[in-house]
Each structure stands twice: as structure tokens, then as C-alpha cells.
Amino acid sequence: RENSSQNILSSANRLLLHEGRLMLAESTRLLDVYLFLFEDFLLITKIKRNKKKYGGSDTSLIPVCPSLTPELQSFIREGGFCTVLDQPIPLDRLILKNVEPI
């Protein structure tokens, strides 16, 4: 939530277990998302691509967090960003099911 005063990623004790891209099937379309799996919740973000170039500057000089995967670092350097798609899903409320490939 935008009005939340607490940053969900602010806990120094929170551990990032895995992250990566995924195609999310919505009712009528596929959505390019980036998932962050923490030890206590799953965060689903929507991948956005910035269509504007930054004044011809060298985007390789944009500082990026070194703990991110090389794929995500490259995406951010190209002007992309991730926005939170929905509220984080607590792992104690998450149910995983195997599904057949489409």
C-alpha cells in the first residue's frame, strides 16, 4: 500500500531465498512478472520497461544493488523497473499445486 509507513523490505533479518522472472497467466493475457521469495512471504512485482532514454548517458554507470541477479541488474540498467503487483503473500497462507504445462 502506498500509504503504509512501514517498508516491507526494511527488516535487516529478512532473508531472500530466491528471485526470478515468471509468466503469470491472468484471465485473458500473460503478464511478465518478477518474483521475490523471502523466508516469510512471496512478493510478486510487475516488470515495466521505461520507453524513454536517459539523455544518451551511459546506463552502465547507473548504480545497482550488487545482491540482485545479473539478469535483474541488466534490466534495471536498461531503464526497467519493478512495481509491486499486489500485497505480499505470507508463506503460511500460500498453497502450492502442481499443474500440467499448457
N, C-alpha and C. Protein backbone atom coordinates (compact mmCIF):
# COMPACT_ATOMS: atom_id res chain seq x y z
N ARG A 1 0.84 -1.18 0.00
CA ARG A 1 0.00 0.00 0.00
C ARG A 1 0.88 1.23 0.00
N GLU A 2 0.46 2.22 -0.75
CA GLU A 2 1.26 3.44 -0.84
C GLU A 2 1.27 4.20 0.47
N ASN A 3 0.19 4.12 1.24
CA ASN A 3 0.11 4.90 2.46
C ASN A 3 0.75 4.20 3.65
N SER A 4 1.31 3.03 3.43
CA SER A 4 1.95 2.31 4.53
C SER A 4 3.25 3.01 4.93
N SER A 5 3.42 3.20 6.21
CA SER A 5 4.65 3.86 6.67
C SER A 5 5.77 2.85 6.88
N GLN A 6 5.44 1.57 6.83
CA GLN A 6 6.44 0.53 7.05
C GLN A 6 6.92 -0.01 5.71
N ASN A 7 8.21 -0.02 5.51
CA ASN A 7 8.79 -0.58 4.30
C ASN A 7 8.89 -2.10 4.47
N ILE A 8 8.23 -2.86 3.59
CA ILE A 8 8.19 -4.32 3.76
C ILE A 8 9.55 -4.96 3.59
N LEU A 9 10.47 -4.27 2.96
CA LEU A 9 11.80 -4.83 2.75
C LEU A 9 12.81 -4.31 3.76
N SER A 10 12.35 -3.57 4.76
CA SER A 10 13.28 -2.90 5.67
C SER A 10 13.89 -3.80 6.74
N SER A 11 13.32 -4.97 6.96
CA SER A 11 13.85 -5.84 8.01
C SER A 11 15.25 -6.33 7.66
N ALA A 12 16.20 -6.04 8.53
CA ALA A 12 17.57 -6.48 8.30
C ALA A 12 17.70 -7.99 8.50
N ASN A 13 16.73 -8.58 9.18
CA ASN A 13 16.77 -10.02 9.45
C ASN A 13 16.09 -10.85 8.37
N ARG A 14 15.40 -10.20 7.43
CA ARG A 14 14.67 -10.92 6.38
C ARG A 14 15.67 -11.49 5.38
N LEU A 15 15.46 -12.75 5.00
CA LEU A 15 16.36 -13.44 4.09
C LEU A 15 15.69 -13.67 2.74
N LEU A 16 16.34 -13.25 1.67
CA LEU A 16 15.86 -13.51 0.32
C LEU A 16 16.33 -14.90 -0.09
N LEU A 17 15.37 -15.80 -0.35
CA LEU A 17 15.69 -17.18 -0.68
C LEU A 17 15.89 -17.39 -2.17
N HIS A 18 15.05 -16.72 -2.97
CA HIS A 18 15.12 -16.91 -4.42
C HIS A 18 14.43 -15.74 -5.11
N GLU A 19 14.83 -15.50 -6.35
CA GLU A 19 14.18 -14.47 -7.15
C GLU A 19 14.27 -14.87 -8.61
N GLY A 20 13.33 -14.40 -9.42
CA GLY A 20 13.39 -14.72 -10.83
C GLY A 20 12.15 -14.32 -11.59
N ARG A 21 12.28 -14.36 -12.92
CA ARG A 21 11.18 -13.99 -13.82
C ARG A 21 10.21 -15.14 -13.98
N LEU A 22 8.96 -14.78 -14.29
CA LEU A 22 7.91 -15.76 -14.48
C LEU A 22 6.83 -15.14 -15.34
N MET A 23 6.14 -15.96 -16.10
CA MET A 23 4.97 -15.50 -16.84
C MET A 23 3.74 -15.88 -16.02
N LEU A 24 2.95 -14.90 -15.67
CA LEU A 24 1.75 -15.10 -14.86
C LEU A 24 0.55 -15.10 -15.80
N ALA A 25 -0.24 -16.16 -15.75
CA ALA A 25 -1.42 -16.27 -16.61
C ALA A 25 -2.60 -15.61 -15.91
N GLU A 26 -3.05 -14.48 -16.46
CA GLU A 26 -4.26 -13.85 -15.97
C GLU A 26 -5.41 -14.37 -16.84
N SER A 27 -6.60 -13.89 -16.63
CA SER A 27 -7.76 -14.44 -17.32
C SER A 27 -7.63 -14.41 -18.85
N THR A 28 -7.14 -13.32 -19.42
CA THR A 28 -7.09 -13.21 -20.88
C THR A 28 -5.70 -12.90 -21.44
N ARG A 29 -4.70 -12.80 -20.56
CA ARG A 29 -3.38 -12.42 -21.06
C ARG A 29 -2.28 -12.99 -20.18
N LEU A 30 -1.06 -12.93 -20.70
CA LEU A 30 0.12 -13.33 -19.93
C LEU A 30 0.81 -12.07 -19.45
N LEU A 31 1.28 -12.10 -18.22
CA LEU A 31 1.92 -10.94 -17.61
C LEU A 31 3.34 -11.31 -17.22
N ASP A 32 4.29 -10.48 -17.62
CA ASP A 32 5.71 -10.68 -17.30
C ASP A 32 5.94 -10.17 -15.88
N VAL A 33 6.26 -11.08 -14.95
CA VAL A 33 6.43 -10.69 -13.55
C VAL A 33 7.81 -11.12 -13.05
N TYR A 34 8.22 -10.54 -11.93
CA TYR A 34 9.47 -10.89 -11.27
C TYR A 34 9.11 -11.19 -9.82
N LEU A 35 9.46 -12.40 -9.37
CA LEU A 35 9.12 -12.84 -8.02
C LEU A 35 10.30 -12.72 -7.07
N PHE A 36 10.01 -12.37 -5.84
CA PHE A 36 11.00 -12.36 -4.76
C PHE A 36 10.45 -13.26 -3.67
N LEU A 37 11.13 -14.37 -3.39
CA LEU A 37 10.72 -15.29 -2.34
C LEU A 37 11.58 -15.05 -1.11
N PHE A 38 10.97 -14.49 -0.09
CA PHE A 38 11.64 -14.27 1.19
C PHE A 38 11.28 -15.42 2.11
N GLU A 39 11.92 -15.50 3.25
CA GLU A 39 11.66 -16.59 4.19
C GLU A 39 10.27 -16.53 4.81
N ASP A 40 9.60 -15.37 4.72
CA ASP A 40 8.29 -15.25 5.33
C ASP A 40 7.18 -14.82 4.38
N PHE A 41 7.50 -14.38 3.16
CA PHE A 41 6.46 -14.03 2.20
C PHE A 41 6.96 -14.08 0.77
N LEU A 42 6.00 -14.10 -0.17
CA LEU A 42 6.29 -14.06 -1.60
C LEU A 42 5.82 -12.72 -2.11
N LEU A 43 6.71 -12.01 -2.82
CA LEU A 43 6.39 -10.71 -3.38
C LEU A 43 6.37 -10.83 -4.90
N ILE A 44 5.24 -10.46 -5.50
CA ILE A 44 5.10 -10.51 -6.95
C ILE A 44 5.14 -9.08 -7.47
N THR A 45 6.08 -8.82 -8.38
CA THR A 45 6.21 -7.48 -8.97
C THR A 45 5.98 -7.56 -10.46
N LYS A 46 5.49 -6.48 -11.02
CA LYS A 46 5.25 -6.38 -12.45
C LYS A 46 6.44 -5.70 -13.10
N ILE A 47 6.93 -6.29 -14.17
CA ILE A 47 8.09 -5.74 -14.87
C ILE A 47 7.62 -4.63 -15.80
N LYS A 48 8.23 -3.47 -15.66
CA LYS A 48 7.91 -2.31 -16.51
C LYS A 48 9.17 -1.91 -17.25
N ARG A 49 9.00 -1.56 -18.49
CA ARG A 49 10.12 -1.09 -19.29
C ARG A 49 9.94 0.40 -19.56
N ASN A 50 10.97 1.18 -19.26
CA ASN A 50 10.93 2.61 -19.49
C ASN A 50 11.20 2.86 -20.96
N LYS A 51 10.25 3.51 -21.63
CA LYS A 51 10.39 3.76 -23.07
C LYS A 51 11.29 4.95 -23.36
N LYS A 52 11.52 5.79 -22.37
CA LYS A 52 12.36 6.97 -22.56
C LYS A 52 13.81 6.63 -22.27
N LYS A 53 14.71 7.18 -23.06
CA LYS A 53 16.14 7.02 -22.80
C LYS A 53 16.59 8.18 -21.92
N TYR A 54 17.60 7.93 -21.14
CA TYR A 54 18.09 8.94 -20.20
C TYR A 54 19.15 9.83 -20.83
N GLY A 55 18.74 10.72 -21.72
CA GLY A 55 19.63 11.73 -22.28
C GLY A 55 20.90 11.20 -22.90
N GLY A 56 20.89 9.98 -23.39
CA GLY A 56 22.06 9.42 -24.05
C GLY A 56 23.20 9.11 -23.09
N SER A 57 22.95 9.18 -21.79
CA SER A 57 24.02 8.90 -20.84
C SER A 57 24.34 7.41 -20.83
N ASP A 58 25.51 7.08 -20.35
CA ASP A 58 25.94 5.69 -20.30
C ASP A 58 25.20 4.99 -19.16
N THR A 59 24.24 4.11 -19.50
CA THR A 59 23.44 3.45 -18.47
C THR A 59 24.24 2.42 -17.70
N SER A 60 25.43 2.06 -18.16
CA SER A 60 26.23 1.10 -17.41
C SER A 60 26.75 1.73 -16.12
N LEU A 61 26.67 3.05 -15.99
CA LEU A 61 27.14 3.73 -14.79
C LEU A 61 26.06 3.88 -13.73
N ILE A 62 24.81 3.45 -14.03
CA ILE A 62 23.73 3.53 -13.06
C ILE A 62 24.02 2.56 -11.92
N PRO A 63 24.05 3.03 -10.66
CA PRO A 63 24.34 2.11 -9.55
C PRO A 63 23.20 1.12 -9.35
N VAL A 64 23.55 -0.14 -9.15
CA VAL A 64 22.58 -1.19 -8.93
C VAL A 64 23.03 -2.00 -7.72
N CYS A 65 22.08 -2.47 -6.94
CA CYS A 65 22.38 -3.28 -5.76
C CYS A 65 23.11 -4.55 -6.18
N PRO A 66 24.31 -4.83 -5.65
CA PRO A 66 25.09 -5.99 -6.07
C PRO A 66 24.47 -7.33 -5.69
N SER A 67 23.52 -7.34 -4.77
CA SER A 67 22.92 -8.61 -4.36
C SER A 67 21.85 -9.10 -5.34
N LEU A 68 21.44 -8.26 -6.29
CA LEU A 68 20.46 -8.67 -7.28
C LEU A 68 21.11 -9.58 -8.32
N THR A 69 20.30 -10.41 -8.96
CA THR A 69 20.82 -11.30 -10.00
C THR A 69 21.34 -10.46 -11.17
N PRO A 70 22.30 -10.98 -11.93
CA PRO A 70 22.80 -10.24 -13.10
C PRO A 70 21.68 -9.89 -14.08
N GLU A 71 20.69 -10.78 -14.23
CA GLU A 71 19.57 -10.51 -15.13
C GLU A 71 18.80 -9.26 -14.70
N LEU A 72 18.49 -9.15 -13.40
CA LEU A 72 17.75 -8.01 -12.90
C LEU A 72 18.61 -6.74 -12.93
N GLN A 73 19.89 -6.84 -12.63
CA GLN A 73 20.79 -5.69 -12.72
C GLN A 73 20.81 -5.14 -14.14
N SER A 74 20.92 -6.02 -15.12
CA SER A 74 20.93 -5.61 -16.53
C SER A 74 19.62 -4.94 -16.91
N PHE A 75 18.52 -5.51 -16.47
CA PHE A 75 17.20 -4.95 -16.76
C PHE A 75 17.07 -3.54 -16.20
N ILE A 76 17.54 -3.32 -14.98
CA ILE A 76 17.47 -2.00 -14.35
C ILE A 76 18.36 -1.01 -15.09
N ARG A 77 19.54 -1.45 -15.51
CA ARG A 77 20.45 -0.56 -16.26
C ARG A 77 19.83 -0.13 -17.59
N GLU A 78 18.96 -0.97 -18.15
CA GLU A 78 18.30 -0.64 -19.42
C GLU A 78 17.09 0.27 -19.21
N GLY A 79 16.87 0.71 -17.98
CA GLY A 79 15.77 1.63 -17.69
C GLY A 79 14.52 0.94 -17.19
N GLY A 80 14.56 -0.37 -16.96
CA GLY A 80 13.40 -1.09 -16.47
C GLY A 80 13.27 -0.97 -14.96
N PHE A 81 12.09 -1.28 -14.47
CA PHE A 81 11.86 -1.28 -13.04
C PHE A 81 10.72 -2.22 -12.71
N CYS A 82 10.58 -2.56 -11.44
CA CYS A 82 9.53 -3.45 -10.98
C CYS A 82 8.62 -2.71 -10.01
N THR A 83 7.32 -2.90 -10.18
CA THR A 83 6.36 -2.34 -9.24
C THR A 83 5.61 -3.49 -8.58
N VAL A 84 5.27 -3.32 -7.32
CA VAL A 84 4.58 -4.37 -6.58
C VAL A 84 3.19 -4.55 -7.18
N LEU A 85 2.88 -5.79 -7.56
CA LEU A 85 1.62 -6.09 -8.22
C LEU A 85 0.47 -6.20 -7.22
N ASP A 86 0.73 -6.78 -6.06
CA ASP A 86 -0.31 -6.99 -5.06
C ASP A 86 0.36 -7.08 -3.69
N GLN A 87 -0.45 -7.23 -2.66
CA GLN A 87 0.10 -7.36 -1.31
C GLN A 87 0.99 -8.60 -1.23
N PRO A 88 2.06 -8.57 -0.45
CA PRO A 88 2.89 -9.77 -0.26
C PRO A 88 2.04 -10.92 0.26
N ILE A 89 2.38 -12.13 -0.16
CA ILE A 89 1.64 -13.32 0.25
C ILE A 89 2.43 -14.02 1.36
N PRO A 90 1.90 -14.05 2.58
CA PRO A 90 2.61 -14.75 3.66
C PRO A 90 2.74 -16.24 3.32
N LEU A 91 3.89 -16.82 3.59
CA LEU A 91 4.12 -18.21 3.23
C LEU A 91 3.23 -19.17 4.02
N ASP A 92 2.79 -18.78 5.20
CA ASP A 92 1.91 -19.66 5.96
C ASP A 92 0.49 -19.69 5.39
N ARG A 93 0.20 -18.85 4.40
CA ARG A 93 -1.11 -18.83 3.74
C ARG A 93 -1.01 -19.25 2.27
N LEU A 94 0.17 -19.65 1.85
CA LEU A 94 0.40 -19.99 0.45
C LEU A 94 0.25 -21.50 0.25
N ILE A 95 -0.49 -21.88 -0.78
CA ILE A 95 -0.66 -23.29 -1.13
C ILE A 95 -0.10 -23.49 -2.53
N LEU A 96 0.80 -24.46 -2.67
CA LEU A 96 1.41 -24.76 -3.96
C LEU A 96 0.78 -26.02 -4.52
N LYS A 97 0.52 -25.99 -5.85
CA LYS A 97 -0.06 -27.14 -6.52
C LYS A 97 0.69 -27.36 -7.83
N ASN A 98 0.92 -28.61 -8.18
CA ASN A 98 1.48 -28.92 -9.49
C ASN A 98 0.38 -28.83 -10.53
N VAL A 99 0.69 -28.21 -11.65
CA VAL A 99 -0.26 -28.11 -12.75
C VAL A 99 0.39 -28.64 -14.01
N GLU A 100 -0.42 -29.10 -14.93
CA GLU A 100 0.09 -29.59 -16.20
C GLU A 100 0.52 -28.42 -17.06
N PRO A 101 1.63 -28.56 -17.83
CA PRO A 101 2.04 -27.48 -18.73
C PRO A 101 0.96 -27.22 -19.79
N ILE A 102 0.89 -25.97 -20.22
CA ILE A 102 -0.08 -25.59 -21.25
C ILE A 102 0.37 -26.14 -22.59
